[in-house]
Amino acid sequence: MLNNALNRRHFIAAGLALAMLPAPAFAQTEAAAKALVTSVVSDINRVIESGKSEKAMLRDFEKIFAQYADVPIMARYALGADARTASPTQLKQFTAAFQGYISRKYGRRFREFIGGEVDVRNARKIKAGFEVRTMVKLRGSAPFDVTFLVSDKSGRDKFYNMFIEGVNLLLTERTEIGAMLDARKGNLNQLITDLKKTG
């Protein structure tokens, strides 16, 4: 179990990831990556400060997640072995439910990084795409490391995982989704229904 401080960082950094992870794939220099991240985070802050209702903002955040995250790959990983036995229809429905669940779960935490800074330290090519190391600075919190992974397996560069101080975000979600499925005695249809209301 993560302690409260790390759990807070986990949520906040994940929210940042929804906004900024395309940066390493498109940026050829650290300076360009920083400029892109600054621009994207500014756009997210404009949504937060728009005065829209939370429901409206969460819809905007889901659009960001759908655009920049490799949702099908993330959903399949989160579902684990059950993804191999799910029907194409179930997998499609789970992916859509997972997208909404993640967007709501982390989108509600976006307000906490208003005024925060993201410092892109370095990027390197890895077998599965790009790995980018950053330092996140938030108000009232010590700086912490976040590593982002991006890939073009879907046909364009999108993010598929991240690590917050060594904590694997996708593995954490896989554990939580697995526990939810176990609690429903493996009933994937029920999980899909419940995910639409969770987060």
Protein backbone atom coordinates (compact mmCIF):
# COMPACT_ATOMS: atom_id res chain seq x y z
CA MET A 1 0.00 0.00 0.00
CA LEU A 2 1.25 3.48 -0.79
CA ASN A 3 1.47 5.91 2.05
CA ASN A 4 -0.77 8.96 1.88
CA ALA A 5 1.95 11.30 0.62
CA LEU A 6 3.03 8.99 -2.18
CA ASN A 7 -0.58 8.20 -3.04
CA ARG A 8 -1.24 11.94 -3.42
CA ARG A 9 1.79 12.22 -5.69
CA HIS A 10 0.61 9.18 -7.63
CA PHE A 11 -2.73 10.84 -8.37
CA ILE A 12 -1.29 14.25 -9.20
CA ALA A 13 1.50 12.96 -11.40
CA ALA A 14 -0.91 10.69 -13.21
CA GLY A 15 -3.08 13.71 -13.89
CA LEU A 16 -0.07 15.53 -15.28
CA ALA A 17 0.68 12.53 -17.46
CA LEU A 18 -2.70 12.75 -19.14
CA ALA A 19 -1.74 16.20 -20.32
CA MET A 20 1.93 15.99 -21.15
CA LEU A 21 3.08 12.56 -22.19
CA PRO A 22 3.23 13.18 -25.94
CA ALA A 23 6.16 15.52 -25.32
CA PRO A 24 9.07 13.04 -25.57
CA ALA A 25 7.90 11.50 -28.83
CA PHE A 26 7.72 14.80 -30.68
CA ALA A 27 10.50 16.77 -29.01
CA GLN A 28 14.04 16.23 -30.29
CA THR A 29 15.70 18.37 -27.63
CA GLU A 30 15.19 18.92 -23.94
CA ALA A 31 14.42 22.58 -24.55
CA ALA A 32 11.69 21.71 -27.06
CA ALA A 33 10.24 19.11 -24.68
CA LYS A 34 10.08 21.67 -21.87
CA ALA A 35 8.38 24.19 -24.16
CA LEU A 36 5.81 21.63 -25.27
CA VAL A 37 5.11 20.49 -21.71
CA THR A 38 4.69 24.08 -20.57
CA SER A 39 2.22 24.71 -23.38
CA VAL A 40 0.16 21.57 -22.72
CA VAL A 41 0.00 22.13 -18.95
CA SER A 42 -1.06 25.73 -19.59
CA ASP A 43 -3.91 24.45 -21.75
CA ILE A 44 -5.02 22.09 -18.98
CA ASN A 45 -4.87 24.90 -16.45
CA ARG A 46 -7.13 26.96 -18.71
CA VAL A 47 -9.69 24.16 -18.55
CA ILE A 48 -9.43 24.09 -14.77
CA GLU A 49 -9.79 27.85 -14.52
CA SER A 50 -12.56 28.02 -17.12
CA GLY A 51 -15.31 28.07 -14.53
CA LYS A 52 -16.93 25.01 -16.06
CA SER A 53 -18.69 22.48 -13.88
CA GLU A 54 -16.68 19.48 -12.71
CA LYS A 55 -18.71 17.28 -15.06
CA ALA A 56 -17.78 19.46 -18.03
CA MET A 57 -14.11 19.54 -17.04
CA LEU A 58 -14.02 15.76 -16.68
CA ARG A 59 -15.35 15.47 -20.23
CA ASP A 60 -12.48 17.68 -21.39
CA PHE A 61 -9.96 15.60 -19.45
CA GLU A 62 -11.31 12.40 -21.00
CA LYS A 63 -10.80 13.92 -24.46
CA ILE A 64 -7.18 14.61 -23.52
CA PHE A 65 -6.72 11.04 -22.27
CA ALA A 66 -8.33 9.58 -25.39
CA GLN A 67 -6.11 11.71 -27.63
CA TYR A 68 -2.76 11.15 -25.96
CA ALA A 69 -2.97 7.78 -24.19
CA ASP A 70 -2.77 4.39 -25.86
CA VAL A 71 -6.01 3.40 -24.16
CA PRO A 72 -6.48 -0.04 -25.80
CA ILE A 73 -3.01 -1.20 -24.75
CA MET A 74 -3.44 0.18 -21.23
CA ALA A 75 -6.89 -1.39 -20.88
CA ARG A 76 -5.70 -4.82 -22.02
CA TYR A 77 -2.79 -4.70 -19.59
CA ALA A 78 -5.01 -3.55 -16.72
CA LEU A 79 -7.44 -6.41 -17.40
CA GLY A 80 -4.60 -8.93 -17.37
CA ALA A 81 -5.18 -12.57 -18.32
CA ASP A 82 -8.93 -11.96 -18.55
CA ALA A 83 -8.32 -9.84 -21.65
CA ARG A 84 -7.42 -13.05 -23.52
CA THR A 85 -10.74 -14.72 -22.73
CA ALA A 86 -12.94 -11.66 -23.18
CA SER A 87 -15.03 -11.45 -26.34
CA PRO A 88 -14.23 -8.65 -28.82
CA THR A 89 -17.42 -6.88 -27.70
CA GLN A 90 -16.50 -7.19 -24.02
CA LEU A 91 -13.00 -5.93 -24.69
CA LYS A 92 -14.33 -2.94 -26.59
CA GLN A 93 -16.80 -2.16 -23.80
CA PHE A 94 -14.15 -2.59 -21.11
CA THR A 95 -11.75 -0.28 -22.97
CA ALA A 96 -14.41 2.45 -23.15
CA ALA A 97 -15.33 1.98 -19.49
CA PHE A 98 -11.65 1.99 -18.48
CA GLN A 99 -11.07 5.22 -20.40
CA GLY A 100 -13.87 6.94 -18.51
CA TYR A 101 -12.83 5.43 -15.18
CA ILE A 102 -9.21 6.60 -15.47
CA SER A 103 -10.25 10.04 -16.71
CA ARG A 104 -12.60 10.59 -13.77
CA LYS A 105 -10.25 9.06 -11.21
CA TYR A 106 -7.31 11.29 -12.08
CA GLY A 107 -9.15 14.21 -13.67
CA ARG A 108 -10.61 15.19 -10.31
CA ARG A 109 -7.06 15.76 -9.05
CA PHE A 110 -6.02 18.24 -11.73
CA ARG A 111 -6.78 21.21 -9.50
CA GLU A 112 -3.91 20.14 -7.22
CA PHE A 113 -1.22 20.91 -9.79
CA ILE A 114 -2.28 24.46 -10.58
CA GLY A 115 0.93 26.46 -10.48
CA GLY A 116 3.10 23.35 -10.57
CA GLU A 117 6.23 22.94 -12.67
CA VAL A 118 7.43 19.99 -14.72
CA ASP A 119 11.14 19.89 -15.53
CA VAL A 120 12.09 17.49 -18.33
CA ARG A 121 15.53 16.15 -17.37
CA ASN A 122 16.44 13.71 -20.13
CA ALA A 123 15.02 11.36 -22.72
CA ARG A 124 16.37 8.14 -24.19
CA LYS A 125 15.26 5.56 -26.71
CA ILE A 126 14.26 2.21 -25.26
CA LYS A 127 13.11 -1.01 -26.94
CA ALA A 128 9.43 -0.21 -26.45
CA GLY A 129 9.62 3.45 -27.47
CA PHE A 130 10.87 6.41 -25.42
CA GLU A 131 11.64 6.86 -21.74
CA VAL A 132 11.60 10.39 -20.40
CA ARG A 133 12.67 11.37 -16.88
CA THR A 134 11.15 14.46 -15.33
CA MET A 135 11.08 16.31 -12.03
CA VAL A 136 7.68 17.47 -10.80
CA LYS A 137 7.43 20.42 -8.42
CA LEU A 138 4.12 21.16 -6.72
CA ARG A 139 3.05 23.74 -4.19
CA GLY A 140 3.55 22.47 -0.66
CA SER A 141 5.27 19.27 -1.78
CA ALA A 142 8.90 18.23 -2.21
CA PRO A 143 9.97 17.66 -5.84
CA PHE A 144 9.70 14.08 -7.04
CA ASP A 145 10.78 12.02 -10.05
CA VAL A 146 8.35 10.81 -12.69
CA THR A 147 9.36 8.66 -15.67
CA PHE A 148 7.10 8.52 -18.71
CA LEU A 149 6.99 5.80 -21.37
CA VAL A 150 5.70 6.46 -24.88
CA SER A 151 5.39 4.26 -27.95
CA ASP A 152 4.14 4.40 -31.53
CA LYS A 153 2.70 0.86 -31.52
CA SER A 154 -0.76 2.27 -32.18
CA GLY A 155 0.48 4.05 -35.30
CA ARG A 156 1.34 7.33 -33.60
CA ASP A 157 3.23 8.32 -30.48
CA LYS A 158 1.13 7.90 -27.34
CA PHE A 159 1.87 7.22 -23.70
CA TYR A 160 1.31 3.75 -22.29
CA ASN A 161 2.79 3.85 -18.79
CA MET A 162 4.57 5.92 -16.17
CA PHE A 163 6.51 5.51 -12.95
CA ILE A 164 6.19 7.84 -9.95
CA GLU A 165 9.25 7.45 -7.73
CA GLY A 166 9.53 3.90 -8.99
CA VAL A 167 5.83 3.07 -8.56
CA ASN A 168 4.45 1.53 -11.76
CA LEU A 169 1.14 3.26 -12.51
CA LEU A 170 -0.15 0.65 -14.95
CA LEU A 171 0.78 -2.22 -12.65
CA THR A 172 -1.05 -0.45 -9.81
CA GLU A 173 -4.16 -0.14 -11.95
CA ARG A 174 -3.86 -3.80 -12.98
CA THR A 175 -3.83 -4.79 -9.32
CA GLU A 176 -6.85 -2.62 -8.55
CA ILE A 177 -8.83 -3.80 -11.59
CA GLY A 178 -7.97 -7.40 -10.70
CA ALA A 179 -9.27 -6.91 -7.17
CA MET A 180 -12.48 -5.36 -8.53
CA LEU A 181 -12.98 -8.31 -10.86
CA ASP A 182 -12.31 -10.82 -8.06
CA ALA A 183 -14.88 -9.06 -5.90
CA ARG A 184 -17.39 -9.67 -8.69
CA LYS A 185 -16.39 -13.36 -8.97
CA GLY A 186 -14.87 -12.81 -12.40
CA ASN A 187 -18.02 -11.30 -13.90
CA LEU A 188 -16.51 -8.99 -16.53
CA ASN A 189 -19.87 -7.62 -17.64
CA GLN A 190 -20.61 -6.51 -14.09
CA LEU A 191 -17.18 -4.92 -13.81
CA ILE A 192 -17.78 -3.00 -17.03
CA THR A 193 -21.11 -1.74 -15.71
CA ASP A 194 -19.61 -0.71 -12.36
CA LEU A 195 -16.53 0.96 -13.91
CA LYS A 196 -18.85 3.34 -15.73
CA LYS A 197 -19.93 4.66 -12.32
CA THR A 198 -16.53 4.47 -10.59
CA GLY A 199 -13.63 6.87 -10.39
